[in-house]
Amino acid sequence: MSTSDKVGNTGDKVKGKAKEALGKAVGNERLEAEGRADQVQGDAKQAGEKAKDAVRNLLKD
């Protein structure tokens, strides 16, 4: 996984946590949901990158 991809995926997760917390604080359910969606998106991207790394490692050996 490249460093820039890893940082971007982590950024999505952090942004999502912030949105979710802000949504809870102000009582905005839509913002909370967007925050959760951002977190899921970051997790999915990270899982995809890990799968690519696993395939690369298999092909190396």
PDB file of N, CA and C in Angstrom:
ATOM      1  N   MET A   1       0.856  -1.161   0.000  1.00  0.00           N
ATOM      2  CA  MET A   1       0.000   0.000   0.000  1.00  0.00           C
ATOM      3  C   MET A   1       0.898   1.218   0.000  1.00  0.00           C
ATOM      4  N   SER A   2       0.654   2.120  -0.933  1.00  0.00           N
ATOM      5  CA  SER A   2       1.479   3.313  -0.969  1.00  0.00           C
ATOM      6  C   SER A   2       1.119   4.227   0.198  1.00  0.00           C
ATOM      7  N   THR A   3       2.075   5.018   0.570  1.00  0.00           N
ATOM      8  CA  THR A   3       1.883   5.905   1.717  1.00  0.00           C
ATOM      9  C   THR A   3       0.765   6.903   1.456  1.00  0.00           C
ATOM     10  N   SER A   4       0.701   7.431   0.234  1.00  0.00           N
ATOM     11  CA  SER A   4      -0.344   8.422  -0.058  1.00  0.00           C
ATOM     12  C   SER A   4      -1.737   7.796   0.012  1.00  0.00           C
ATOM     13  N   ASP A   5      -1.866   6.548  -0.445  1.00  0.00           N
ATOM     14  CA  ASP A   5      -3.159   5.863  -0.334  1.00  0.00           C
ATOM     15  C   ASP A   5      -3.533   5.648   1.121  1.00  0.00           C
ATOM     16  N   LYS A   6      -2.558   5.232   1.912  1.00  0.00           N
ATOM     17  CA  LYS A   6      -2.807   4.967   3.332  1.00  0.00           C
ATOM     18  C   LYS A   6      -3.246   6.249   4.050  1.00  0.00           C
ATOM     19  N   VAL A   7      -2.572   7.358   3.743  1.00  0.00           N
ATOM     20  CA  VAL A   7      -2.924   8.643   4.358  1.00  0.00           C
ATOM     21  C   VAL A   7      -4.321   9.074   3.916  1.00  0.00           C
ATOM     22  N   GLY A   8      -4.615   8.890   2.640  1.00  0.00           N
ATOM     23  CA  GLY A   8      -5.944   9.268   2.136  1.00  0.00           C
ATOM     24  C   GLY A   8      -7.045   8.465   2.780  1.00  0.00           C
ATOM     25  N   ASN A   9      -6.831   7.170   2.930  1.00  0.00           N
ATOM     26  CA  ASN A   9      -7.839   6.318   3.560  1.00  0.00           C
ATOM     27  C   ASN A   9      -8.031   6.687   5.018  1.00  0.00           C
ATOM     28  N   THR A  10      -6.948   6.960   5.706  1.00  0.00           N
ATOM     29  CA  THR A  10      -7.034   7.380   7.103  1.00  0.00           C
ATOM     30  C   THR A  10      -7.739   8.729   7.197  1.00  0.00           C
ATOM     31  N   GLY A  11      -7.465   9.595   6.228  1.00  0.00           N
ATOM     32  CA  GLY A  11      -8.124  10.901   6.188  1.00  0.00           C
ATOM     33  C   GLY A  11      -9.627  10.767   6.061  1.00  0.00           C
ATOM     34  N   ASP A  12     -10.075   9.835   5.215  1.00  0.00           N
ATOM     35  CA  ASP A  12     -11.518   9.592   5.067  1.00  0.00           C
ATOM     36  C   ASP A  12     -12.127   9.158   6.399  1.00  0.00           C
ATOM     37  N   LYS A  13     -11.418   8.278   7.097  1.00  0.00           N
ATOM     38  CA  LYS A  13     -11.937   7.780   8.374  1.00  0.00           C
ATOM     39  C   LYS A  13     -12.001   8.900   9.419  1.00  0.00           C
ATOM     40  N   VAL A  14     -10.954   9.724   9.479  1.00  0.00           N
ATOM     41  CA  VAL A  14     -10.920  10.825  10.451  1.00  0.00           C
ATOM     42  C   VAL A  14     -12.010  11.847  10.130  1.00  0.00           C
ATOM     43  N   LYS A  15     -12.143  12.169   8.836  1.00  0.00           N
ATOM     44  CA  LYS A  15     -13.186  13.111   8.414  1.00  0.00           C
ATOM     45  C   LYS A  15     -14.560  12.571   8.798  1.00  0.00           C
ATOM     46  N   GLY A  16     -14.744  11.272   8.603  1.00  0.00           N
ATOM     47  CA  GLY A  16     -16.020  10.652   8.945  1.00  0.00           C
ATOM     48  C   GLY A  16     -16.318  10.713  10.428  1.00  0.00           C
ATOM     49  N   LYS A  17     -15.307  10.456  11.245  1.00  0.00           N
ATOM     50  CA  LYS A  17     -15.504  10.517  12.698  1.00  0.00           C
ATOM     51  C   LYS A  17     -15.862  11.935  13.127  1.00  0.00           C
ATOM     52  N   ALA A  18     -15.210  12.927  12.523  1.00  0.00           N
ATOM     53  CA  ALA A  18     -15.494  14.318  12.864  1.00  0.00           C
ATOM     54  C   ALA A  18     -16.920  14.695  12.463  1.00  0.00           C
ATOM     55  N   LYS A  19     -17.318  14.299  11.251  1.00  0.00           N
ATOM     56  CA  LYS A  19     -18.676  14.598  10.800  1.00  0.00           C
ATOM     57  C   LYS A  19     -19.710  13.939  11.700  1.00  0.00           C
ATOM     58  N   GLU A  20     -19.449  12.681  12.048  1.00  0.00           N
ATOM     59  CA  GLU A  20     -20.400  11.963  12.892  1.00  0.00           C
ATOM     60  C   GLU A  20     -20.530  12.644  14.252  1.00  0.00           C
ATOM     61  N   ALA A  21     -19.410  13.025  14.837  1.00  0.00           N
ATOM     62  CA  ALA A  21     -19.432  13.692  16.145  1.00  0.00           C
ATOM     63  C   ALA A  21     -20.143  15.038  16.068  1.00  0.00           C
ATOM     64  N   LEU A  22     -19.884  15.782  15.007  1.00  0.00           N
ATOM     65  CA  LEU A  22     -20.539  17.085  14.845  1.00  0.00           C
ATOM     66  C   LEU A  22     -22.041  16.893  14.658  1.00  0.00           C
ATOM     67  N   GLY A  23     -22.400  15.894  13.869  1.00  0.00           N
ATOM     68  CA  GLY A  23     -23.820  15.611  13.667  1.00  0.00           C
ATOM     69  C   GLY A  23     -24.526  15.272  14.966  1.00  0.00           C
ATOM     70  N   LYS A  24     -23.858  14.463  15.798  1.00  0.00           N
ATOM     71  CA  LYS A  24     -24.446  14.123  17.100  1.00  0.00           C
ATOM     72  C   LYS A  24     -24.583  15.353  17.973  1.00  0.00           C
ATOM     73  N   ALA A  25     -23.553  16.213  17.954  1.00  0.00           N
ATOM     74  CA  ALA A  25     -23.538  17.399  18.813  1.00  0.00           C
ATOM     75  C   ALA A  25     -24.662  18.370  18.467  1.00  0.00           C
ATOM     76  N   VAL A  26     -24.948  18.510  17.182  1.00  0.00           N
ATOM     77  CA  VAL A  26     -25.969  19.477  16.778  1.00  0.00           C
ATOM     78  C   VAL A  26     -27.314  18.822  16.486  1.00  0.00           C
ATOM     79  N   GLY A  27     -27.378  17.494  16.614  1.00  0.00           N
ATOM     80  CA  GLY A  27     -28.635  16.787  16.392  1.00  0.00           C
ATOM     81  C   GLY A  27     -29.000  16.640  14.922  1.00  0.00           C
ATOM     82  N   ASN A  28     -27.998  16.590  14.049  1.00  0.00           N
ATOM     83  CA  ASN A  28     -28.229  16.465  12.616  1.00  0.00           C
ATOM     84  C   ASN A  28     -27.980  15.019  12.200  1.00  0.00           C
ATOM     85  N   GLU A  29     -29.050  14.275  12.008  1.00  0.00           N
ATOM     86  CA  GLU A  29     -28.941  12.857  11.673  1.00  0.00           C
ATOM     87  C   GLU A  29     -28.295  12.639  10.311  1.00  0.00           C
ATOM     88  N   ARG A  30     -28.550  13.530   9.376  1.00  0.00           N
ATOM     89  CA  ARG A  30     -27.973  13.399   8.037  1.00  0.00           C
ATOM     90  C   ARG A  30     -26.448  13.515   8.092  1.00  0.00           C
ATOM     91  N   LEU A  31     -25.956  14.466   8.858  1.00  0.00           N
ATOM     92  CA  LEU A  31     -24.510  14.651   9.001  1.00  0.00           C
ATOM     93  C   LEU A  31     -23.879  13.442   9.690  1.00  0.00           C
ATOM     94  N   GLU A  32     -24.571  12.906  10.685  1.00  0.00           N
ATOM     95  CA  GLU A  32     -24.094  11.679  11.355  1.00  0.00           C
ATOM     96  C   GLU A  32     -23.969  10.541  10.356  1.00  0.00           C
ATOM     97  N   ALA A  33     -24.989  10.380   9.528  1.00  0.00           N
ATOM     98  CA  ALA A  33     -24.993   9.300   8.536  1.00  0.00           C
ATOM     99  C   ALA A  33     -23.878   9.494   7.512  1.00  0.00           C
ATOM    100  N   GLU A  34     -23.657  10.728   7.084  1.00  0.00           N
ATOM    101  CA  GLU A  34     -22.566  11.008   6.149  1.00  0.00           C
ATOM    102  C   GLU A  34     -21.224  10.650   6.780  1.00  0.00           C
ATOM    103  N   GLY A  35     -21.082  10.940   8.060  1.00  0.00           N
ATOM    104  CA  GLY A  35     -19.847  10.615   8.771  1.00  0.00           C
ATOM    105  C   GLY A  35     -19.604   9.121   8.825  1.00  0.00           C
ATOM    106  N   ARG A  36     -20.641   8.381   9.119  1.00  0.00           N
ATOM    107  CA  ARG A  36     -20.516   6.915   9.138  1.00  0.00           C
ATOM    108  C   ARG A  36     -20.174   6.389   7.748  1.00  0.00           C
ATOM    109  N   ALA A  37     -20.793   6.962   6.721  1.00  0.00           N
ATOM    110  CA  ALA A  37     -20.526   6.541   5.344  1.00  0.00           C
ATOM    111  C   ALA A  37     -19.075   6.824   4.959  1.00  0.00           C
ATOM    112  N   ASP A  38     -18.550   7.977   5.361  1.00  0.00           N
ATOM    113  CA  ASP A  38     -17.147   8.302   5.084  1.00  0.00           C
ATOM    114  C   ASP A  38     -16.215   7.295   5.742  1.00  0.00           C
ATOM    115  N   GLN A  39     -16.553   6.882   6.954  1.00  0.00           N
ATOM    116  CA  GLN A  39     -15.725   5.906   7.662  1.00  0.00           C
ATOM    117  C   GLN A  39     -15.737   4.560   6.944  1.00  0.00           C
ATOM    118  N   VAL A  40     -16.904   4.146   6.501  1.00  0.00           N
ATOM    119  CA  VAL A  40     -17.028   2.878   5.780  1.00  0.00           C
ATOM    120  C   VAL A  40     -16.251   2.946   4.466  1.00  0.00           C
ATOM    121  N   GLN A  41     -16.339   4.072   3.803  1.00  0.00           N
ATOM    122  CA  GLN A  41     -15.616   4.254   2.544  1.00  0.00           C
ATOM    123  C   GLN A  41     -14.108   4.144   2.769  1.00  0.00           C
ATOM    124  N   GLY A  42     -13.612   4.771   3.820  1.00  0.00           N
ATOM    125  CA  GLY A  42     -12.185   4.681   4.144  1.00  0.00           C
ATOM    126  C   GLY A  42     -11.770   3.256   4.461  1.00  0.00           C
ATOM    127  N   ASP A  43     -12.610   2.546   5.206  1.00  0.00           N
ATOM    128  CA  ASP A  43     -12.316   1.142   5.537  1.00  0.00           C
ATOM    129  C   ASP A  43     -12.292   0.273   4.286  1.00  0.00           C
ATOM    130  N   ALA A  44     -13.237   0.498   3.383  1.00  0.00           N
ATOM    131  CA  ALA A  44     -13.308  -0.299   2.158  1.00  0.00           C
ATOM    132  C   ALA A  44     -12.095  -0.055   1.269  1.00  0.00           C
ATOM    133  N   LYS A  45     -11.707   1.201   1.151  1.00  0.00           N
ATOM    134  CA  LYS A  45     -10.525   1.526   0.349  1.00  0.00           C
ATOM    135  C   LYS A  45      -9.282   0.870   0.939  1.00  0.00           C
ATOM    136  N   GLN A  46      -9.169   0.932   2.249  1.00  0.00           N
ATOM    137  CA  GLN A  46      -8.011   0.351   2.915  1.00  0.00           C
ATOM    138  C   GLN A  46      -7.989  -1.169   2.725  1.00  0.00           C
ATOM    139  N   ALA A  47      -9.129  -1.807   2.781  1.00  0.00           N
ATOM    140  CA  ALA A  47      -9.199  -3.254   2.566  1.00  0.00           C
ATOM    141  C   ALA A  47      -8.778  -3.597   1.139  1.00  0.00           C
ATOM    142  N   GLY A  48      -9.189  -2.788   0.186  1.00  0.00           N
ATOM    143  CA  GLY A  48      -8.796  -3.001  -1.200  1.00  0.00           C
ATOM    144  C   GLY A  48      -7.295  -2.884  -1.389  1.00  0.00           C
ATOM    145  N   GLU A  49      -6.698  -1.896  -0.747  1.00  0.00           N
ATOM    146  CA  GLU A  49      -5.245  -1.711  -0.837  1.00  0.00           C
ATOM    147  C   GLU A  49      -4.508  -2.889  -0.207  1.00  0.00           C
ATOM    148  N   LYS A  50      -5.028  -3.383   0.907  1.00  0.00           N
ATOM    149  CA  LYS A  50      -4.396  -4.537   1.562  1.00  0.00           C
ATOM    150  C   LYS A  50      -4.489  -5.774   0.680  1.00  0.00           C
ATOM    151  N   ALA A  51      -5.605  -5.930  -0.014  1.00  0.00           N
ATOM    152  CA  ALA A  51      -5.760  -7.071  -0.919  1.00  0.00           C
ATOM    153  C   ALA A  51      -4.755  -6.971  -2.068  1.00  0.00           C
ATOM    154  N   LYS A  52      -4.584  -5.772  -2.608  1.00  0.00           N
ATOM    155  CA  LYS A  52      -3.596  -5.581  -3.674  1.00  0.00           C
ATOM    156  C   LYS A  52      -2.197  -5.924  -3.187  1.00  0.00           C
ATOM    157  N   ASP A  53      -1.875  -5.496  -1.970  1.00  0.00           N
ATOM    158  CA  ASP A  53      -0.562  -5.809  -1.398  1.00  0.00           C
ATOM    159  C   ASP A  53      -0.370  -7.315  -1.249  1.00  0.00           C
ATOM    160  N   ALA A  54      -1.414  -8.007  -0.823  1.00  0.00           N
ATOM    161  CA  ALA A  54      -1.327  -9.456  -0.639  1.00  0.00           C
ATOM    162  C   ALA A  54      -1.061 -10.148  -1.974  1.00  0.00           C
ATOM    163  N   VAL A  55      -1.736  -9.700  -3.023  1.00  0.00           N
ATOM    164  CA  VAL A  55      -1.525 -10.289  -4.344  1.00  0.00           C
ATOM    165  C   VAL A  55      -0.104 -10.014  -4.825  1.00  0.00           C
ATOM    166  N   ARG A  56       0.362  -8.800  -4.629  1.00  0.00           N
ATOM    167  CA  ARG A  56       1.738  -8.462  -5.025  1.00  0.00           C
ATOM    168  C   ARG A  56       2.743  -9.348  -4.302  1.00  0.00           C
ATOM    169  N   ASN A  57       2.519  -9.561  -3.018  1.00  0.00           N
ATOM    170  CA  ASN A  57       3.437 -10.398  -2.246  1.00  0.00           C
ATOM    171  C   ASN A  57       3.409 -11.846  -2.719  1.00  0.00           C
ATOM    172  N   LEU A  58       2.250 -12.344  -3.086  1.00  0.00           N
ATOM    173  CA  LEU A  58       2.151 -13.700  -3.613  1.00  0.00           C
ATOM    174  C   LEU A  58       2.892 -13.837  -4.951  1.00  0.00           C
ATOM    175  N   LEU A  59       2.764 -12.810  -5.776  1.00  0.00           N
ATOM    176  CA  LEU A  59       3.406 -12.859  -7.083  1.00  0.00           C
ATOM    177  C   LEU A  59       4.920 -12.705  -7.004  1.00  0.00           C
ATOM    178  N   LYS A  60       5.397 -12.059  -5.960  1.00  0.00           N
ATOM    179  CA  LYS A  60       6.844 -11.901  -5.752  1.00  0.00           C
ATOM    180  C   LYS A  60       7.509 -13.232  -5.473  1.00  0.00           C
ATOM    181  N   ASP A  61       6.851 -14.044  -4.646  1.00  0.00           N
ATOM    182  CA  ASP A  61       7.448 -15.297  -4.175  1.00  0.00           C
ATOM    183  C   ASP A  61       7.484 -16.349  -5.195  1.00  0.00           C
TER     184      ASP A  61
END
